[in-house]
Amino acid sequence: MEKRNTIQLNTVENTIKHRIFIIRDRKVMLDSDLAQLYQIDTGRLNEQVKRNLLRFPGDFMFQLHEEEYENLRSQFATSSSAYGGRRYLPFAFTEQGIAMLSSVLNSEIAIQMNIFIVRAFIKMRESLETYKDLAMKIDKIEIAQLHDHAALRNVHSVVKQLLEKPSSKKKAKKQTPLQ
């Protein structure tokens, strides 16, 4: 039984991770994806949000611009409004906005999903920190290699100068007595 619950949790977390987008340099989830996870209509979710707008300042939620929405649609081939798709631009919820949704949507499913979503955001943040640490280490290695290359170039140029100078001095000495 525990194994089945663990598998279900991993599946839910993976589903959530694939529905987190970066828009306007923020990690967000769209209202339609949240509504699907909460098992309610997108209209119902947005209705509850609009009734509680004071709980959703701009850093918690924002509405997409047409260009942002078209970019997402082209990536995922969503339906057009002519065929039963969206008629309004979607809302994007940040991690804080998603946490605030639990106070607006008071169902057991919404509360459980909020917990999963917040945990998914935390795991993503931890993963990004790991990647940042790794990227910093790679940068240090590259910088060290650049310095090593520069040092090697300096050694090479000094050796080259040393090799060139004696031969040119010898030629100059040989030519001087002949003149």
Protein backbone atom coordinates (compact mmCIF):
# COMPACT_ATOMS: atom_id res chain seq x y z
CA MET A 1 0.00 0.00 0.00
CA GLU A 2 2.83 2.42 0.87
CA LYS A 3 4.58 1.63 -2.42
CA ARG A 4 1.41 2.50 -4.37
CA ASN A 5 1.06 5.82 -2.48
CA THR A 6 4.73 6.64 -3.14
CA ILE A 7 4.28 5.92 -6.85
CA GLN A 8 1.14 8.09 -6.95
CA LEU A 9 2.93 10.92 -5.15
CA ASN A 10 5.86 10.74 -7.58
CA THR A 11 3.44 10.78 -10.53
CA VAL A 12 1.62 13.82 -9.14
CA GLU A 13 4.91 15.62 -8.45
CA ASN A 14 6.17 14.91 -11.99
CA THR A 15 2.87 16.13 -13.43
CA ILE A 16 3.13 19.31 -11.40
CA LYS A 17 6.77 19.91 -12.40
CA HIS A 18 5.81 19.73 -16.07
CA ARG A 19 3.13 22.36 -15.53
CA ILE A 20 5.44 24.94 -13.96
CA PHE A 21 6.51 27.54 -16.49
CA ILE A 22 8.87 30.48 -16.33
CA ILE A 23 7.02 33.60 -17.43
CA ARG A 24 8.31 37.10 -16.73
CA ASP A 25 11.25 35.53 -14.91
CA ARG A 26 8.90 33.86 -12.40
CA LYS A 27 8.01 30.24 -11.91
CA VAL A 28 4.24 30.02 -12.35
CA MET A 29 1.36 27.66 -13.00
CA LEU A 30 -1.59 28.52 -15.20
CA ASP A 31 -5.13 28.71 -13.91
CA SER A 32 -6.30 25.91 -16.22
CA ASP A 33 -3.59 23.52 -14.98
CA LEU A 34 -4.37 24.37 -11.36
CA ALA A 35 -8.09 23.91 -11.95
CA GLN A 36 -7.44 20.50 -13.46
CA LEU A 37 -5.30 19.47 -10.49
CA TYR A 38 -7.93 20.78 -8.07
CA GLN A 39 -10.63 18.99 -10.11
CA ILE A 40 -12.73 22.10 -10.67
CA ASP A 41 -13.57 24.22 -13.71
CA THR A 42 -11.14 26.97 -14.65
CA GLY A 43 -14.06 29.42 -14.56
CA ARG A 44 -14.86 28.41 -10.99
CA LEU A 45 -11.23 28.87 -9.91
CA ASN A 46 -11.03 32.31 -11.52
CA GLU A 47 -14.39 33.26 -10.04
CA GLN A 48 -13.14 32.51 -6.53
CA VAL A 49 -9.94 34.45 -7.19
CA LYS A 50 -11.85 37.48 -8.50
CA ARG A 51 -14.06 37.44 -5.40
CA ASN A 52 -10.88 37.60 -3.30
CA LEU A 53 -8.64 39.87 -5.39
CA LEU A 54 -7.10 41.53 -2.33
CA ARG A 55 -5.45 38.19 -1.53
CA PHE A 56 -3.73 38.10 -4.95
CA PRO A 57 -1.38 41.05 -5.51
CA GLY A 58 0.72 41.24 -8.68
CA ASP A 59 3.55 39.17 -7.26
CA PHE A 60 1.08 36.35 -6.46
CA MET A 61 -0.89 36.33 -9.72
CA PHE A 62 -0.97 38.10 -13.08
CA GLN A 63 -2.81 37.75 -16.36
CA LEU A 64 -0.77 36.75 -19.38
CA HIS A 65 -0.31 39.09 -22.32
CA GLU A 66 -1.51 37.89 -25.73
CA GLU A 67 2.08 37.32 -26.90
CA GLU A 68 2.93 35.22 -23.82
CA TYR A 69 -0.18 33.13 -24.28
CA GLU A 70 0.46 32.62 -28.00
CA ASN A 71 4.00 31.53 -27.20
CA LEU A 72 2.68 28.91 -24.76
CA ARG A 73 0.00 27.81 -27.18
CA SER A 74 2.51 27.33 -29.97
CA GLN A 75 4.68 25.23 -27.66
CA PHE A 76 1.85 22.96 -26.56
CA ALA A 77 -0.66 23.20 -29.43
CA THR A 78 -3.69 24.09 -27.29
CA SER A 79 -7.09 24.59 -28.82
CA SER A 80 -8.33 27.89 -30.17
CA SER A 81 -11.34 29.72 -28.80
CA ALA A 82 -13.29 28.89 -31.97
CA TYR A 83 -13.31 25.23 -30.97
CA GLY A 84 -14.27 25.47 -27.31
CA GLY A 85 -10.90 26.64 -25.96
CA ARG A 86 -10.17 29.69 -23.82
CA ARG A 87 -11.98 32.93 -24.43
CA TYR A 88 -9.90 34.98 -21.96
CA LEU A 89 -6.20 35.23 -21.35
CA PRO A 90 -5.11 32.87 -18.57
CA PHE A 91 -3.95 33.87 -15.13
CA ALA A 92 -0.53 32.76 -13.93
CA PHE A 93 -0.01 32.01 -10.24
CA THR A 94 3.34 32.19 -8.49
CA GLU A 95 4.21 29.87 -5.63
CA GLN A 96 2.81 32.40 -3.15
CA GLY A 97 -0.39 32.76 -5.19
CA ILE A 98 -0.83 29.01 -5.26
CA ALA A 99 -0.41 28.89 -1.50
CA MET A 100 -3.06 31.62 -1.21
CA LEU A 101 -5.45 29.55 -3.35
CA SER A 102 -5.85 27.10 -0.49
CA SER A 103 -7.58 29.83 1.53
CA VAL A 104 -9.93 30.57 -1.38
CA LEU A 105 -10.62 27.03 -2.54
CA ASN A 106 -11.69 25.23 0.58
CA SER A 107 -11.97 21.65 -0.64
CA GLU A 108 -9.97 18.70 0.60
CA ILE A 109 -8.57 18.07 -2.89
CA ALA A 110 -7.47 21.71 -3.21
CA ILE A 111 -5.69 21.56 0.13
CA GLN A 112 -3.92 18.28 -0.73
CA MET A 113 -2.93 19.56 -4.16
CA ASN A 114 -1.60 22.78 -2.69
CA ILE A 115 0.67 20.76 -0.44
CA PHE A 116 1.94 18.75 -3.44
CA ILE A 117 2.46 21.89 -5.52
CA VAL A 118 4.33 23.76 -2.81
CA ARG A 119 6.55 20.71 -2.29
CA ALA A 120 7.20 20.53 -6.04
CA PHE A 121 8.25 24.20 -6.06
CA ILE A 122 10.56 23.54 -3.11
CA LYS A 123 12.15 20.55 -4.86
CA MET A 124 12.63 22.61 -8.02
CA ARG A 125 14.28 25.37 -6.00
CA GLU A 126 16.58 22.83 -4.34
CA SER A 127 17.45 21.33 -7.73
CA LEU A 128 18.21 24.77 -9.11
CA GLU A 129 20.50 25.47 -6.15
CA THR A 130 22.33 22.20 -6.86
CA TYR A 131 22.67 23.19 -10.52
CA LYS A 132 23.90 26.66 -9.53
CA ASP A 133 26.55 25.10 -7.28
CA LEU A 134 27.58 22.79 -10.10
CA ALA A 135 27.67 25.67 -12.59
CA MET A 136 29.86 27.70 -10.21
CA LYS A 137 32.27 24.79 -9.88
CA ILE A 138 32.42 24.40 -13.66
CA ASP A 139 33.06 28.14 -14.01
CA LYS A 140 35.92 27.88 -11.51
CA ILE A 141 37.42 24.99 -13.47
CA GLU A 142 37.09 26.92 -16.74
CA ILE A 143 38.67 30.01 -15.18
CA ALA A 144 41.51 27.86 -13.82
CA GLN A 145 41.97 26.34 -17.28
CA LEU A 146 42.04 29.80 -18.85
CA HIS A 147 44.69 30.86 -16.36
CA ASP A 148 46.60 27.65 -17.06
CA HIS A 149 46.36 28.34 -20.80
CA ALA A 150 47.52 31.89 -20.25
CA ALA A 151 50.39 30.64 -18.11
CA LEU A 152 51.28 28.08 -20.78
CA ARG A 153 51.16 30.80 -23.45
CA ASN A 154 53.44 32.98 -21.33
CA VAL A 155 55.90 30.12 -20.81
CA HIS A 156 55.75 29.32 -24.53
CA SER A 157 56.42 32.93 -25.53
CA VAL A 158 59.34 33.22 -23.06
CA VAL A 159 60.84 29.97 -24.33
CA LYS A 160 60.32 31.12 -27.91
CA GLN A 161 62.04 34.43 -27.17
CA LEU A 162 64.89 32.62 -25.50
CA LEU A 163 65.27 30.36 -28.50
CA GLU A 164 65.10 33.26 -30.96
CA LYS A 165 67.46 35.65 -29.15
CA PRO A 166 70.54 33.44 -29.05
CA SER A 167 70.24 32.55 -32.73
CA SER A 168 69.82 36.20 -33.74
CA LYS A 169 72.81 37.21 -31.53
CA LYS A 170 74.92 34.53 -33.13
CA LYS A 171 73.96 35.74 -36.59
CA ALA A 172 74.72 39.31 -35.59
CA LYS A 173 78.16 38.29 -34.22
CA LYS A 174 78.99 36.31 -37.33
CA GLN A 175 78.01 39.16 -39.59
CA THR A 176 79.86 41.81 -37.60
CA PRO A 177 83.40 40.42 -38.13
CA LEU A 178 82.80 39.98 -41.85
CA GLN A 179 81.98 43.59 -42.28
